[in-house]
Amino acid sequence: MSTISDEHFRGEITVAARIIDLLSSGLYESPAACLKELINNSFDADARSVDVFVKPDANRIIIQDDGHGMNREEFERHFRRIAESHKRDDDDTTASGRPKIGKIGIGVIAANELCERLEIFSTKADSSDLLHVTIDFEEMRKPADQRKKASGDFVKADYVGEILRTDVEAHYTLIFPRKDGQG
């Protein structure tokens, strides 16, 4: 059972320079390559199991893993400014000893080639907080000069989030790439 808290937040995902903006746009030639990037994030979160559900009749893809999950602070630290990936702040290996795949943090924005919005639900072990974030890639479809901020960063996406409360004791992340009009 989940209940909504009063903790809502919003922000932007930016990249640090025009070269990173170019590198993080149009990177992948196929939807499978974009999915691989999202699955790599599960691997780096030490997931033992990653399930990809393709539901063509519902025009939906769901990625579910049992990795360590994210809270709000981790989401914002990893995704607020791409190309400043913090995955490797502590070590180049995961807690279980696997070498980390991600390097500069552009994997999540690869999803823009699959969808207009990316919805994420994530929780951590021993926490009743359930992070719910929707990333809207509309900004990426605008010309670069319209996305450049005074700081020199380029906006890649906007996000809105909330912290839900849940009884679930497991830790997991669910990712739903969504086209416009999908509920």
C-alpha atoms as a PDB file:
ATOM      1  CA  MET A   1       0.000   0.000   0.000  1.00  0.00           C
ATOM      2  CA  SER A   2       1.380   3.413  -0.949  1.00  0.00           C
ATOM      3  CA  THR A   3       0.356   6.788   0.322  1.00  0.00           C
ATOM      4  CA  ILE A   4       1.374  10.180  -0.992  1.00  0.00           C
ATOM      5  CA  SER A   5       3.526  12.424   1.165  1.00  0.00           C
ATOM      6  CA  ASP A   6       3.836  16.193   1.035  1.00  0.00           C
ATOM      7  CA  GLU A   7       7.341  15.904  -0.392  1.00  0.00           C
ATOM      8  CA  HIS A   8       7.198  17.025  -4.039  1.00  0.00           C
ATOM      9  CA  PHE A   9      10.163  18.334  -6.006  1.00  0.00           C
ATOM     10  CA  ARG A  10      11.150  19.357  -9.521  1.00  0.00           C
ATOM     11  CA  GLY A  11      14.257  20.269 -11.432  1.00  0.00           C
ATOM     12  CA  GLU A  12      16.214  20.070 -14.648  1.00  0.00           C
ATOM     13  CA  ILE A  13      18.685  17.564 -16.020  1.00  0.00           C
ATOM     14  CA  THR A  14      21.531  19.483 -17.631  1.00  0.00           C
ATOM     15  CA  VAL A  15      24.838  18.702 -19.292  1.00  0.00           C
ATOM     16  CA  ALA A  16      28.000  20.646 -18.626  1.00  0.00           C
ATOM     17  CA  ALA A  17      29.108  21.612 -22.128  1.00  0.00           C
ATOM     18  CA  ARG A  18      28.020  21.729 -25.766  1.00  0.00           C
ATOM     19  CA  ILE A  19      30.256  18.748 -26.619  1.00  0.00           C
ATOM     20  CA  ILE A  20      28.502  16.617 -23.994  1.00  0.00           C
ATOM     21  CA  ASP A  21      25.169  17.893 -25.315  1.00  0.00           C
ATOM     22  CA  LEU A  22      26.119  16.661 -28.780  1.00  0.00           C
ATOM     23  CA  LEU A  23      27.510  13.365 -27.490  1.00  0.00           C
ATOM     24  CA  SER A  24      24.367  12.632 -25.486  1.00  0.00           C
ATOM     25  CA  SER A  25      21.953  13.256 -28.384  1.00  0.00           C
ATOM     26  CA  GLY A  26      21.340  10.686 -31.098  1.00  0.00           C
ATOM     27  CA  LEU A  27      23.898   8.272 -29.646  1.00  0.00           C
ATOM     28  CA  TYR A  28      22.061   5.071 -30.311  1.00  0.00           C
ATOM     29  CA  GLU A  29      21.038   3.518 -33.607  1.00  0.00           C
ATOM     30  CA  SER A  30      18.410   1.165 -32.202  1.00  0.00           C
ATOM     31  CA  PRO A  31      15.890   0.916 -29.369  1.00  0.00           C
ATOM     32  CA  ALA A  32      17.760  -2.176 -28.151  1.00  0.00           C
ATOM     33  CA  ALA A  33      20.906  -0.076 -27.602  1.00  0.00           C
ATOM     34  CA  CYS A  34      18.864   2.414 -25.543  1.00  0.00           C
ATOM     35  CA  LEU A  35      17.409  -0.410 -23.450  1.00  0.00           C
ATOM     36  CA  LYS A  36      20.916  -1.764 -22.907  1.00  0.00           C
ATOM     37  CA  GLU A  37      21.930   1.570 -21.348  1.00  0.00           C
ATOM     38  CA  LEU A  38      19.038   1.367 -18.865  1.00  0.00           C
ATOM     39  CA  ILE A  39      19.934  -2.247 -18.053  1.00  0.00           C
ATOM     40  CA  ASN A  40      23.574  -1.199 -17.534  1.00  0.00           C
ATOM     41  CA  ASN A  41      22.312   1.175 -14.827  1.00  0.00           C
ATOM     42  CA  SER A  42      20.671  -1.821 -13.114  1.00  0.00           C
ATOM     43  CA  PHE A  43      23.973  -3.717 -13.332  1.00  0.00           C
ATOM     44  CA  ASP A  44      25.799  -0.778 -11.734  1.00  0.00           C
ATOM     45  CA  ALA A  45      23.144  -0.751  -8.968  1.00  0.00           C
ATOM     46  CA  ASP A  46      24.229  -4.331  -8.142  1.00  0.00           C
ATOM     47  CA  ALA A  47      21.003  -5.913  -9.391  1.00  0.00           C
ATOM     48  CA  ARG A  48      21.067  -9.706  -9.303  1.00  0.00           C
ATOM     49  CA  SER A  49      17.986  -9.802 -11.513  1.00  0.00           C
ATOM     50  CA  VAL A  50      16.760  -7.501 -14.268  1.00  0.00           C
ATOM     51  CA  ASP A  51      13.488  -8.228 -16.030  1.00  0.00           C
ATOM     52  CA  VAL A  52      12.457  -6.495 -19.237  1.00  0.00           C
ATOM     53  CA  PHE A  53       8.784  -6.833 -20.081  1.00  0.00           C
ATOM     54  CA  VAL A  54       7.729  -5.923 -23.594  1.00  0.00           C
ATOM     55  CA  LYS A  55       3.979  -5.543 -23.953  1.00  0.00           C
ATOM     56  CA  PRO A  56       3.320  -4.723 -27.631  1.00  0.00           C
ATOM     57  CA  ASP A  57      -0.474  -4.777 -27.210  1.00  0.00           C
ATOM     58  CA  ALA A  58      -0.139  -2.000 -24.596  1.00  0.00           C
ATOM     59  CA  ASN A  59       2.750  -0.253 -26.402  1.00  0.00           C
ATOM     60  CA  ARG A  60       4.757  -0.536 -23.193  1.00  0.00           C
ATOM     61  CA  ILE A  61       8.183  -1.598 -21.969  1.00  0.00           C
ATOM     62  CA  ILE A  62       8.908  -2.135 -18.278  1.00  0.00           C
ATOM     63  CA  ILE A  63      12.365  -2.607 -16.773  1.00  0.00           C
ATOM     64  CA  GLN A  64      12.449  -3.993 -13.242  1.00  0.00           C
ATOM     65  CA  ASP A  65      15.512  -4.740 -11.150  1.00  0.00           C
ATOM     66  CA  ASP A  66      16.409  -5.710  -7.602  1.00  0.00           C
ATOM     67  CA  GLY A  67      19.388  -3.372  -7.344  1.00  0.00           C
ATOM     68  CA  HIS A  68      20.053  -1.130  -4.366  1.00  0.00           C
ATOM     69  CA  GLY A  69      17.600   1.549  -5.608  1.00  0.00           C
ATOM     70  CA  MET A  70      17.727   5.322  -5.212  1.00  0.00           C
ATOM     71  CA  ASN A  71      16.363   7.927  -2.876  1.00  0.00           C
ATOM     72  CA  ARG A  72      15.741  11.558  -3.828  1.00  0.00           C
ATOM     73  CA  GLU A  73      19.214  12.751  -2.887  1.00  0.00           C
ATOM     74  CA  GLU A  74      20.884  10.038  -4.979  1.00  0.00           C
ATOM     75  CA  PHE A  75      18.611  10.696  -7.956  1.00  0.00           C
ATOM     76  CA  GLU A  76      19.409  14.413  -7.920  1.00  0.00           C
ATOM     77  CA  ARG A  77      23.142  13.845  -7.384  1.00  0.00           C
ATOM     78  CA  HIS A  78      23.352  11.403 -10.311  1.00  0.00           C
ATOM     79  CA  PHE A  79      21.006  13.086 -12.774  1.00  0.00           C
ATOM     80  CA  ARG A  80      20.778  16.821 -12.098  1.00  0.00           C
ATOM     81  CA  ARG A  81      23.975  17.480 -14.066  1.00  0.00           C
ATOM     82  CA  ILE A  82      24.992  14.812 -16.573  1.00  0.00           C
ATOM     83  CA  ALA A  83      28.711  14.319 -17.335  1.00  0.00           C
ATOM     84  CA  GLU A  84      29.441  14.760 -13.657  1.00  0.00           C
ATOM     85  CA  SER A  85      28.568  11.166 -12.904  1.00  0.00           C
ATOM     86  CA  HIS A  86      29.007  10.309  -9.255  1.00  0.00           C
ATOM     87  CA  LYS A  87      28.826   6.545  -9.844  1.00  0.00           C
ATOM     88  CA  ARG A  88      32.572   6.289  -9.408  1.00  0.00           C
ATOM     89  CA  ASP A  89      32.976   8.644  -6.450  1.00  0.00           C
ATOM     90  CA  ASP A  90      33.639   5.786  -4.044  1.00  0.00           C
ATOM     91  CA  ASP A  91      35.055   3.042  -6.260  1.00  0.00           C
ATOM     92  CA  ASP A  92      35.169   1.637  -9.786  1.00  0.00           C
ATOM     93  CA  THR A  93      33.422  -1.513  -8.584  1.00  0.00           C
ATOM     94  CA  THR A  94      29.983  -2.157  -7.125  1.00  0.00           C
ATOM     95  CA  ALA A  95      29.480  -3.339  -3.545  1.00  0.00           C
ATOM     96  CA  SER A  96      29.485  -6.947  -4.808  1.00  0.00           C
ATOM     97  CA  GLY A  97      32.789  -6.392  -6.639  1.00  0.00           C
ATOM     98  CA  ARG A  98      31.564  -6.024 -10.238  1.00  0.00           C
ATOM     99  CA  PRO A  99      33.330  -3.452 -12.396  1.00  0.00           C
ATOM    100  CA  LYS A 100      31.012  -0.490 -13.013  1.00  0.00           C
ATOM    101  CA  ILE A 101      29.914   0.089 -16.597  1.00  0.00           C
ATOM    102  CA  GLY A 102      28.766   3.723 -16.436  1.00  0.00           C
ATOM    103  CA  LYS A 103      31.335   6.479 -16.671  1.00  0.00           C
ATOM    104  CA  ILE A 104      29.875   9.924 -17.363  1.00  0.00           C
ATOM    105  CA  GLY A 105      26.173   9.467 -16.598  1.00  0.00           C
ATOM    106  CA  ILE A 106      24.546   9.850 -20.008  1.00  0.00           C
ATOM    107  CA  GLY A 107      22.839   6.433 -20.014  1.00  0.00           C
ATOM    108  CA  VAL A 108      19.527   7.598 -18.549  1.00  0.00           C
ATOM    109  CA  ILE A 109      19.074  10.268 -21.189  1.00  0.00           C
ATOM    110  CA  ALA A 110      19.458   7.594 -23.874  1.00  0.00           C
ATOM    111  CA  ALA A 111      15.850   6.797 -23.015  1.00  0.00           C
ATOM    112  CA  ASN A 112      14.802   9.936 -24.880  1.00  0.00           C
ATOM    113  CA  GLU A 113      15.196   7.913 -28.076  1.00  0.00           C
ATOM    114  CA  LEU A 114      12.581   5.447 -26.793  1.00  0.00           C
ATOM    115  CA  CYS A 115      10.069   7.779 -25.235  1.00  0.00           C
ATOM    116  CA  GLU A 116       8.906  11.296 -24.450  1.00  0.00           C
ATOM    117  CA  ARG A 117       8.792  10.637 -20.704  1.00  0.00           C
ATOM    118  CA  LEU A 118      10.595   8.196 -18.432  1.00  0.00           C
ATOM    119  CA  GLU A 119       8.847   7.241 -15.215  1.00  0.00           C
ATOM    120  CA  ILE A 120      10.921   5.789 -12.374  1.00  0.00           C
ATOM    121  CA  PHE A 121       9.822   4.155  -9.119  1.00  0.00           C
ATOM    122  CA  SER A 122      12.649   3.238  -6.764  1.00  0.00           C
ATOM    123  CA  THR A 123      13.030   2.233  -3.150  1.00  0.00           C
ATOM    124  CA  LYS A 124      15.921   1.194  -0.965  1.00  0.00           C
ATOM    125  CA  ALA A 125      16.178  -1.651   1.532  1.00  0.00           C
ATOM    126  CA  ASP A 126      15.009  -0.762   5.048  1.00  0.00           C
ATOM    127  CA  SER A 127      13.163   2.349   3.873  1.00  0.00           C
ATOM    128  CA  SER A 128       9.466   3.084   3.553  1.00  0.00           C
ATOM    129  CA  ASP A 129      10.242   5.886   1.064  1.00  0.00           C
ATOM    130  CA  LEU A 130       9.302   5.197  -2.539  1.00  0.00           C
ATOM    131  CA  LEU A 131      10.860   7.642  -5.006  1.00  0.00           C
ATOM    132  CA  HIS A 132       8.596   8.442  -7.963  1.00  0.00           C
ATOM    133  CA  VAL A 133      10.107  10.640 -10.696  1.00  0.00           C
ATOM    134  CA  THR A 134       8.912  11.475 -14.189  1.00  0.00           C
ATOM    135  CA  ILE A 135      11.552  12.789 -16.582  1.00  0.00           C
ATOM    136  CA  ASP A 136      10.134  14.764 -19.525  1.00  0.00           C
ATOM    137  CA  PHE A 137      12.454  14.847 -22.565  1.00  0.00           C
ATOM    138  CA  GLU A 138      10.561  17.630 -24.387  1.00  0.00           C
ATOM    139  CA  GLU A 139      13.499  20.008 -23.854  1.00  0.00           C
ATOM    140  CA  MET A 140      15.814  17.714 -25.854  1.00  0.00           C
ATOM    141  CA  ARG A 141      13.675  18.220 -28.937  1.00  0.00           C
ATOM    142  CA  LYS A 142      14.349  21.972 -28.929  1.00  0.00           C
ATOM    143  CA  PRO A 143      17.346  23.567 -30.693  1.00  0.00           C
ATOM    144  CA  ALA A 144      20.479  23.863 -28.544  1.00  0.00           C
ATOM    145  CA  ASP A 145      20.397  27.671 -28.520  1.00  0.00           C
ATOM    146  CA  GLN A 146      16.966  27.525 -26.838  1.00  0.00           C
ATOM    147  CA  ARG A 147      18.255  25.103 -24.191  1.00  0.00           C
ATOM    148  CA  LYS A 148      21.462  26.935 -23.236  1.00  0.00           C
ATOM    149  CA  LYS A 149      21.411  28.454 -19.763  1.00  0.00           C
ATOM    150  CA  ALA A 150      23.333  31.522 -18.596  1.00  0.00           C
ATOM    151  CA  SER A 151      25.715  29.171 -16.771  1.00  0.00           C
ATOM    152  CA  GLY A 152      26.675  27.579 -20.106  1.00  0.00           C
ATOM    153  CA  ASP A 153      24.930  24.297 -19.270  1.00  0.00           C
ATOM    154  CA  PHE A 154      22.406  22.816 -21.692  1.00  0.00           C
ATOM    155  CA  VAL A 155      19.009  21.598 -20.472  1.00  0.00           C
ATOM    156  CA  LYS A 156      18.280  17.991 -21.492  1.00  0.00           C
ATOM    157  CA  ALA A 157      15.060  17.337 -19.606  1.00  0.00           C
ATOM    158  CA  ASP A 158      12.768  18.479 -16.816  1.00  0.00           C
ATOM    159  CA  TYR A 159      11.684  16.232 -13.983  1.00  0.00           C
ATOM    160  CA  VAL A 160       9.024  16.188 -11.311  1.00  0.00           C
ATOM    161  CA  GLY A 161       9.075  13.865  -8.370  1.00  0.00           C
ATOM    162  CA  GLU A 162       7.467  12.901  -5.145  1.00  0.00           C
ATOM    163  CA  ILE A 163       8.217  10.665  -2.231  1.00  0.00           C
ATOM    164  CA  LEU A 164       5.518   8.094  -1.567  1.00  0.00           C
ATOM    165  CA  ARG A 165       5.290   6.007   1.579  1.00  0.00           C
ATOM    166  CA  THR A 166       5.046   2.254   1.248  1.00  0.00           C
ATOM    167  CA  ASP A 167       5.002  -0.879   3.408  1.00  0.00           C
ATOM    168  CA  VAL A 168       7.176  -2.707   0.900  1.00  0.00           C
ATOM    169  CA  GLU A 169      10.390  -3.877   2.539  1.00  0.00           C
ATOM    170  CA  ALA A 170      12.105  -4.996  -0.682  1.00  0.00           C
ATOM    171  CA  HIS A 171      14.330  -2.694  -2.677  1.00  0.00           C
ATOM    172  CA  TYR A 172      13.799  -2.276  -6.395  1.00  0.00           C
ATOM    173  CA  THR A 173      13.626   0.066  -9.335  1.00  0.00           C
ATOM    174  CA  LEU A 174      10.889   0.061 -11.978  1.00  0.00           C
ATOM    175  CA  ILE A 175      11.345   2.079 -15.160  1.00  0.00           C
ATOM    176  CA  PHE A 176       8.534   2.844 -17.599  1.00  0.00           C
ATOM    177  CA  PRO A 177       9.447   4.566 -20.876  1.00  0.00           C
ATOM    178  CA  ARG A 178       6.247   6.371 -22.001  1.00  0.00           C
ATOM    179  CA  LYS A 179       5.045   7.955 -25.217  1.00  0.00           C
ATOM    180  CA  ASP A 180       2.673  10.912 -25.087  1.00  0.00           C
ATOM    181  CA  GLY A 181      -0.825   9.799 -24.197  1.00  0.00           C
ATOM    182  CA  GLN A 182       0.232   6.745 -22.183  1.00  0.00           C
ATOM    183  CA  GLY A 183      -1.103   6.670 -18.650  1.00  0.00           C
END
